[in-house]
Every structure is written in structure tokens, then in C-alpha cells.
């Protein structure tokens, strides 16, 4: 079973899968290989629709976005 998670907070509506896709697309565009990521923490702020993340690779490197991503 696949759960569909939707976050609703006026005026923003976001799907958890869409948020994850935005972050993974940003990581790929930053030349970070997804298969090297061990842990990925994603933070969505519904009051302004901003997305932040912290990605840690298997060798301990940490990547995060300074500027917010938006849904």
C-alpha cells in the first residue's frame, strides 16, 4: 500500500511526494548522486511554502540548501 500525504495550510497545498521530488531534483542539479545519500531530512514550512533539506552521504558529507525551495 502506498500512502498519499497532502499538507493543507492556507494558501498552500502540498503533496509529500511532490516535496520529495523537488528536493531530489535540486540535489541532482547540484551534482549530488542520490545513491550516495544515507539520510535525507526535509522540512516544509506551510506558512510560506518553503522547503529546506539536509542530506548526509554515506561518507559523512552534509549538503543543505541555503535558499529555500518552493512548491
PDB file of N, CA and C in Angstrom:
ATOM      1  N   UNK A   1       0.843  -1.181   0.000  1.00  0.00           N
ATOM      2  CA  UNK A   1       0.000   0.000   0.000  1.00  0.00           C
ATOM      3  C   UNK A   1       0.888   1.245   0.000  1.00  0.00           C
ATOM      4  N   UNK A   2       0.525   2.197  -0.811  1.00  0.00           N
ATOM      5  CA  UNK A   2       1.216   3.479  -0.853  1.00  0.00           C
ATOM      6  C   UNK A   2       0.294   4.537  -0.287  1.00  0.00           C
ATOM      7  N   UNK A   3       0.789   5.263   0.691  1.00  0.00           N
ATOM      8  CA  UNK A   3       0.005   6.342   1.290  1.00  0.00           C
ATOM      9  C   UNK A   3       0.276   7.641   0.543  1.00  0.00           C
ATOM     10  N   UNK A   4      -0.747   8.412   0.304  1.00  0.00           N
ATOM     11  CA  UNK A   4      -0.610   9.737  -0.275  1.00  0.00           C
ATOM     12  C   UNK A   4      -0.815  10.738   0.846  1.00  0.00           C
ATOM     13  N   UNK A   5       0.211  11.540   1.100  1.00  0.00           N
ATOM     14  CA  UNK A   5       0.151  12.519   2.186  1.00  0.00           C
ATOM     15  C   UNK A   5       0.085  13.904   1.577  1.00  0.00           C
ATOM     16  N   UNK A   6      -0.940  14.648   1.965  1.00  0.00           N
ATOM     17  CA  UNK A   6      -1.129  16.011   1.481  1.00  0.00           C
ATOM     18  C   UNK A   6      -1.155  16.953   2.684  1.00  0.00           C
ATOM     19  N   UNK A   7      -0.392  18.031   2.591  1.00  0.00           N
ATOM     20  CA  UNK A   7      -0.344  19.028   3.652  1.00  0.00           C
ATOM     21  C   UNK A   7      -1.168  20.215   3.185  1.00  0.00           C
ATOM     22  N   UNK A   8      -2.159  20.577   3.977  1.00  0.00           N
ATOM     23  CA  UNK A   8      -3.034  21.688   3.615  1.00  0.00           C
ATOM     24  C   UNK A   8      -2.929  22.775   4.673  1.00  0.00           C
ATOM     25  N   UNK A   9      -2.536  23.951   4.227  1.00  0.00           N
ATOM     26  CA  UNK A   9      -2.443  25.113   5.099  1.00  0.00           C
ATOM     27  C   UNK A   9      -2.621  26.326   4.205  1.00  0.00           C
ATOM     28  N   UNK A  10      -3.683  27.058   4.423  1.00  0.00           N
ATOM     29  CA  UNK A  10      -3.973  28.207   3.544  1.00  0.00           C
ATOM     30  C   UNK A  10      -2.782  29.126   3.459  1.00  0.00           C
ATOM     31  N   UNK A  11      -2.401  29.551   2.288  1.00  0.00           N
ATOM     32  CA  UNK A  11      -2.988  29.275   0.983  1.00  0.00           C
ATOM     33  C   UNK A  11      -2.297  28.126   0.254  1.00  0.00           C
ATOM     34  N   UNK A  12      -1.469  27.354   0.932  1.00  0.00           N
ATOM     35  CA  UNK A  12      -0.665  26.338   0.267  1.00  0.00           C
ATOM     36  C   UNK A  12      -1.228  24.935   0.472  1.00  0.00           C
ATOM     37  N   UNK A  13      -1.159  24.143  -0.603  1.00  0.00           N
ATOM     38  CA  UNK A  13      -1.468  22.719  -0.540  1.00  0.00           C
ATOM     39  C   UNK A  13      -0.275  22.007  -1.164  1.00  0.00           C
ATOM     40  N   UNK A  14       0.289  21.066  -0.437  1.00  0.00           N
ATOM     41  CA  UNK A  14       1.467  20.368  -0.930  1.00  0.00           C
ATOM     42  C   UNK A  14       1.305  18.877  -0.729  1.00  0.00           C
ATOM     43  N   UNK A  15       1.806  18.115  -1.678  1.00  0.00           N
ATOM     44  CA  UNK A  15       1.821  16.668  -1.602  1.00  0.00           C
ATOM     45  C   UNK A  15       3.231  16.262  -1.170  1.00  0.00           C
ATOM     46  N   UNK A  16       3.336  15.331  -0.215  1.00  0.00           N
ATOM     47  CA  UNK A  16       4.645  14.919   0.293  1.00  0.00           C
ATOM     48  C   UNK A  16       5.541  14.382  -0.826  1.00  0.00           C
ATOM     49  N   UNK A  17       4.962  13.672  -1.781  1.00  0.00           N
ATOM     50  CA  UNK A  17       5.749  13.148  -2.909  1.00  0.00           C
ATOM     51  C   UNK A  17       6.307  14.275  -3.772  1.00  0.00           C
ATOM     52  N   UNK A  18       5.519  15.331  -3.963  1.00  0.00           N
ATOM     53  CA  UNK A  18       5.979  16.481  -4.752  1.00  0.00           C
ATOM     54  C   UNK A  18       7.128  17.193  -4.049  1.00  0.00           C
ATOM     55  N   UNK A  19       7.026  17.331  -2.740  1.00  0.00           N
ATOM     56  CA  UNK A  19       8.093  17.971  -1.966  1.00  0.00           C
ATOM     57  C   UNK A  19       9.382  17.160  -2.095  1.00  0.00           C
ATOM     58  N   UNK A  20       9.258  15.847  -1.953  1.00  0.00           N
ATOM     59  CA  UNK A  20      10.427  14.967  -2.084  1.00  0.00           C
ATOM     60  C   UNK A  20      11.035  15.078  -3.483  1.00  0.00           C
ATOM     61  N   UNK A  21      10.205  15.131  -4.514  1.00  0.00           N
ATOM     62  CA  UNK A  21      10.690  15.244  -5.895  1.00  0.00           C
ATOM     63  C   UNK A  21      11.440  16.559  -6.106  1.00  0.00           C
ATOM     64  N   UNK A  22      10.929  17.648  -5.556  1.00  0.00           N
ATOM     65  CA  UNK A  22      11.594  18.952  -5.677  1.00  0.00           C
ATOM     66  C   UNK A  22      12.982  18.897  -5.055  1.00  0.00           C
ATOM     67  N   UNK A  23      13.083  18.294  -3.873  1.00  0.00           N
ATOM     68  CA  UNK A  23      14.382  18.198  -3.190  1.00  0.00           C
ATOM     69  C   UNK A  23      15.341  17.312  -3.987  1.00  0.00           C
ATOM     70  N   UNK A  24      14.879  16.158  -4.436  1.00  0.00           N
ATOM     71  CA  UNK A  24      15.756  15.256  -5.192  1.00  0.00           C
ATOM     72  C   UNK A  24      16.201  15.879  -6.512  1.00  0.00           C
ATOM     73  N   UNK A  25      15.332  16.623  -7.149  1.00  0.00           N
ATOM     74  CA  UNK A  25      15.693  17.325  -8.385  1.00  0.00           C
ATOM     75  C   UNK A  25      16.765  18.369  -8.106  1.00  0.00           C
ATOM     76  N   UNK A  26      16.637  19.073  -6.991  1.00  0.00           N
ATOM     77  CA  UNK A  26      17.633  20.078  -6.607  1.00  0.00           C
ATOM     78  C   UNK A  26      18.974  19.421  -6.298  1.00  0.00           C
ATOM     79  N   UNK A  27      18.950  18.288  -5.619  1.00  0.00           N
ATOM     80  CA  UNK A  27      20.193  17.579  -5.323  1.00  0.00           C
ATOM     81  C   UNK A  27      20.882  17.132  -6.611  1.00  0.00           C
ATOM     82  N   UNK A  28      20.119  16.559  -7.538  1.00  0.00           N
ATOM     83  CA  UNK A  28      20.690  16.132  -8.822  1.00  0.00           C
ATOM     84  C   UNK A  28      21.277  17.311  -9.580  1.00  0.00           C
ATOM     85  N   UNK A  29      20.566  18.450  -9.578  1.00  0.00           N
ATOM     86  CA  UNK A  29      21.047  19.644 -10.269  1.00  0.00           C
ATOM     87  C   UNK A  29      22.319  20.184  -9.620  1.00  0.00           C
ATOM     88  N   UNK A  30      22.528  19.841  -8.358  1.00  0.00           N
ATOM     89  CA  UNK A  30      23.735  20.256  -7.627  1.00  0.00           C
ATOM     90  C   UNK A  30      24.840  19.208  -7.739  1.00  0.00           C
ATOM     91  N   UNK A  31      24.680  18.274  -8.669  1.00  0.00           N
ATOM     92  CA  UNK A  31      25.654  17.195  -8.928  1.00  0.00           C
ATOM     93  C   UNK A  31      25.891  16.290  -7.723  1.00  0.00           C
ATOM     94  N   UNK A  32      24.859  16.059  -6.940  1.00  0.00           N
ATOM     95  CA  UNK A  32      24.932  15.126  -5.819  1.00  0.00           C
ATOM     96  C   UNK A  32      24.182  13.861  -6.240  1.00  0.00           C
ATOM     97  N   UNK A  33      24.873  12.747  -6.212  1.00  0.00           N
ATOM     98  CA  UNK A  33      24.267  11.481  -6.634  1.00  0.00           C
ATOM     99  C   UNK A  33      23.364  10.948  -5.523  1.00  0.00           C
ATOM    100  N   UNK A  34      22.114  10.687  -5.871  1.00  0.00           N
ATOM    101  CA  UNK A  34      21.136  10.242  -4.877  1.00  0.00           C
ATOM    102  C   UNK A  34      21.530   8.918  -4.227  1.00  0.00           C
ATOM    103  N   UNK A  35      22.216   8.056  -4.970  1.00  0.00           N
ATOM    104  CA  UNK A  35      22.601   6.760  -4.396  1.00  0.00           C
ATOM    105  C   UNK A  35      23.672   6.887  -3.320  1.00  0.00           C
ATOM    106  N   UNK A  36      24.312   8.068  -3.214  1.00  0.00           N
ATOM    107  CA  UNK A  36      25.322   8.275  -2.175  1.00  0.00           C
ATOM    108  C   UNK A  36      24.710   8.827  -0.880  1.00  0.00           C
ATOM    109  N   UNK A  37      23.431   9.153  -0.920  1.00  0.00           N
ATOM    110  CA  UNK A  37      22.782   9.756   0.252  1.00  0.00           C
ATOM    111  C   UNK A  37      22.328   8.661   1.214  1.00  0.00           C
ATOM    112  N   UNK A  38      22.752   8.809   2.461  1.00  0.00           N
ATOM    113  CA  UNK A  38      22.382   7.872   3.514  1.00  0.00           C
ATOM    114  C   UNK A  38      21.142   8.349   4.264  1.00  0.00           C
ATOM    115  N   UNK A  39      21.054   9.645   4.494  1.00  0.00           N
ATOM    116  CA  UNK A  39      19.920  10.208   5.230  1.00  0.00           C
ATOM    117  C   UNK A  39      19.504  11.524   4.592  1.00  0.00           C
ATOM    118  N   UNK A  40      18.195  11.724   4.462  1.00  0.00           N
ATOM    119  CA  UNK A  40      17.667  12.942   3.871  1.00  0.00           C
ATOM    120  C   UNK A  40      16.541  13.462   4.755  1.00  0.00           C
ATOM    121  N   UNK A  41      16.766  14.616   5.360  1.00  0.00           N
ATOM    122  CA  UNK A  41      15.755  15.268   6.193  1.00  0.00           C
ATOM    123  C   UNK A  41      15.186  16.443   5.417  1.00  0.00           C
ATOM    124  N   UNK A  42      13.864  16.471   5.297  1.00  0.00           N
ATOM    125  CA  UNK A  42      13.180  17.512   4.531  1.00  0.00           C
ATOM    126  C   UNK A  42      12.259  18.274   5.468  1.00  0.00           C
ATOM    127  N   UNK A  43      12.312  19.607   5.370  1.00  0.00           N
ATOM    128  CA  UNK A  43      11.497  20.476   6.212  1.00  0.00           C
ATOM    129  C   UNK A  43      10.622  21.356   5.324  1.00  0.00           C
ATOM    130  N   UNK A  44       9.331  21.256   5.496  1.00  0.00           N
ATOM    131  CA  UNK A  44       8.373  22.056   4.734  1.00  0.00           C
ATOM    132  C   UNK A  44       7.710  23.040   5.683  1.00  0.00           C
ATOM    133  N   UNK A  45       7.749  24.312   5.322  1.00  0.00           N
ATOM    134  CA  UNK A  45       7.128  25.357   6.133  1.00  0.00           C
ATOM    135  C   UNK A  45       5.852  25.816   5.425  1.00  0.00           C
ATOM    136  N   UNK A  46       4.707  25.322   5.878  1.00  0.00           N
ATOM    137  CA  UNK A  46       3.460  25.577   5.149  1.00  0.00           C
ATOM    138  C   UNK A  46       3.005  27.032   5.161  1.00  0.00           C
ATOM    139  N   UNK A  47       3.475  27.824   6.099  1.00  0.00           N
ATOM    140  CA  UNK A  47       3.011  29.206   6.134  1.00  0.00           C
ATOM    141  C   UNK A  47       3.538  30.035   4.975  1.00  0.00           C
ATOM    142  N   UNK A  48       4.653  29.632   4.376  1.00  0.00           N
ATOM    143  CA  UNK A  48       5.141  30.358   3.200  1.00  0.00           C
ATOM    144  C   UNK A  48       5.487  29.435   2.033  1.00  0.00           C
ATOM    145  N   UNK A  49       5.275  28.124   2.211  1.00  0.00           N
ATOM    146  CA  UNK A  49       5.510  27.173   1.128  1.00  0.00           C
ATOM    147  C   UNK A  49       6.972  26.870   0.866  1.00  0.00           C
ATOM    148  N   UNK A  50       7.856  27.181   1.809  1.00  0.00           N
ATOM    149  CA  UNK A  50       9.283  26.960   1.591  1.00  0.00           C
ATOM    150  C   UNK A  50       9.709  25.558   2.018  1.00  0.00           C
ATOM    151  N   UNK A  51      10.742  25.068   1.347  1.00  0.00           N
ATOM    152  CA  UNK A  51      11.277  23.735   1.594  1.00  0.00           C
ATOM    153  C   UNK A  51      12.776  23.842   1.845  1.00  0.00           C
ATOM    154  N   UNK A  52      13.217  23.189   2.915  1.00  0.00           N
ATOM    155  CA  UNK A  52      14.640  23.097   3.226  1.00  0.00           C
ATOM    156  C   UNK A  52      14.991  21.624   3.397  1.00  0.00           C
ATOM    157  N   UNK A  53      16.260  21.285   3.214  1.00  0.00           N
ATOM    158  CA  UNK A  53      16.673  19.909   3.413  1.00  0.00           C
ATOM    159  C   UNK A  53      18.105  19.843   3.932  1.00  0.00           C
ATOM    160  N   UNK A  54      18.412  18.704   4.542  1.00  0.00           N
ATOM    161  CA  UNK A  54      19.775  18.361   4.935  1.00  0.00           C
ATOM    162  C   UNK A  54      19.985  16.926   4.467  1.00  0.00           C
ATOM    163  N   UNK A  55      20.977  16.737   3.615  1.00  0.00           N
ATOM    164  CA  UNK A  55      21.300  15.416   3.079  1.00  0.00           C
ATOM    165  C   UNK A  55      22.679  15.014   3.590  1.00  0.00           C
ATOM    166  N   UNK A  56      22.769  13.805   4.124  1.00  0.00           N
ATOM    167  CA  UNK A  56      24.044  13.285   4.610  1.00  0.00           C
ATOM    168  C   UNK A  56      24.397  12.056   3.778  1.00  0.00           C
ATOM    169  N   UNK A  57      25.609  12.060   3.247  1.00  0.00           N
ATOM    170  CA  UNK A  57      26.049  10.951   2.406  1.00  0.00           C
ATOM    171  C   UNK A  57      26.630   9.832   3.264  1.00  0.00           C
ATOM    172  N   UNK A  58      26.840   8.680   2.641  1.00  0.00           N
ATOM    173  CA  UNK A  58      27.381   7.529   3.359  1.00  0.00           C
ATOM    174  C   UNK A  58      28.786   7.796   3.895  1.00  0.00           C
ATOM    175  N   UNK A  59      29.513   8.717   3.271  1.00  0.00           N
ATOM    176  CA  UNK A  59      30.854   9.040   3.773  1.00  0.00           C
ATOM    177  C   UNK A  59      30.855  10.237   4.724  1.00  0.00           C
ATOM    178  N   UNK A  60      29.674  10.680   5.147  1.00  0.00           N
ATOM    179  CA  UNK A  60      29.572  11.704   6.179  1.00  0.00           C
ATOM    180  C   UNK A  60      29.498  13.144   5.711  1.00  0.00           C
ATOM    181  N   UNK A  61      29.500  13.383   4.399  1.00  0.00           N
ATOM    182  CA  UNK A  61      29.366  14.747   3.906  1.00  0.00           C
ATOM    183  C   UNK A  61      27.923  15.217   4.102  1.00  0.00           C
ATOM    184  N   UNK A  62      27.771  16.507   4.375  1.00  0.00           N
ATOM    185  CA  UNK A  62      26.439  17.075   4.569  1.00  0.00           C
ATOM    186  C   UNK A  62      26.198  18.161   3.536  1.00  0.00           C
ATOM    187  N   UNK A  63      25.012  18.122   2.944  1.00  0.00           N
ATOM    188  CA  UNK A  63      24.586  19.126   1.979  1.00  0.00           C
ATOM    189  C   UNK A  63      23.243  19.674   2.426  1.00  0.00           C
ATOM    190  N   UNK A  64      23.069  20.976   2.252  1.00  0.00           N
ATOM    191  CA  UNK A  64      21.781  21.593   2.574  1.00  0.00           C
ATOM    192  C   UNK A  64      21.579  22.803   1.690  1.00  0.00           C
ATOM    193  N   UNK A  65      20.332  23.189   1.548  1.00  0.00           N
ATOM    194  CA  UNK A  65      20.058  24.379   0.749  1.00  0.00           C
ATOM    195  C   UNK A  65      20.016  25.594   1.657  1.00  0.00           C
ATOM    196  N   UNK A  66      20.643  26.673   1.201  1.00  0.00           N
ATOM    197  CA  UNK A  66      20.641  27.938   1.943  1.00  0.00           C
ATOM    198  C   UNK A  66      19.412  28.756   1.563  1.00  0.00           C
ATOM    199  N   UNK A  67      19.150  28.796   0.284  1.00  0.00           N
ATOM    200  CA  UNK A  67      17.957  29.476  -0.213  1.00  0.00           C
ATOM    201  C   UNK A  67      16.809  28.475  -0.237  1.00  0.00           C
ATOM    202  N   UNK A  68      15.620  28.897   0.161  1.00  0.00           N
ATOM    203  CA  UNK A  68      14.504  27.947   0.184  1.00  0.00           C
ATOM    204  C   UNK A  68      14.081  27.516  -1.213  1.00  0.00           C
ATOM    205  N   UNK A  69      13.578  26.308  -1.301  1.00  0.00           N
ATOM    206  CA  UNK A  69      12.914  25.823  -2.495  1.00  0.00           C
ATOM    207  C   UNK A  69      11.435  26.036  -2.270  1.00  0.00           C
ATOM    208  N   UNK A  70      10.667  26.165  -3.337  1.00  0.00           N
ATOM    209  CA  UNK A  70       9.230  26.408  -3.187  1.00  0.00           C
ATOM    210  C   UNK A  70       8.431  25.408  -3.987  1.00  0.00           C
ATOM    211  N   UNK A  71       7.267  25.084  -3.472  1.00  0.00           N
ATOM    212  CA  UNK A  71       6.359  24.155  -4.111  1.00  0.00           C
ATOM    213  C   UNK A  71       5.509  24.927  -5.105  1.00  0.00           C
TER     214      UNK A  71
END
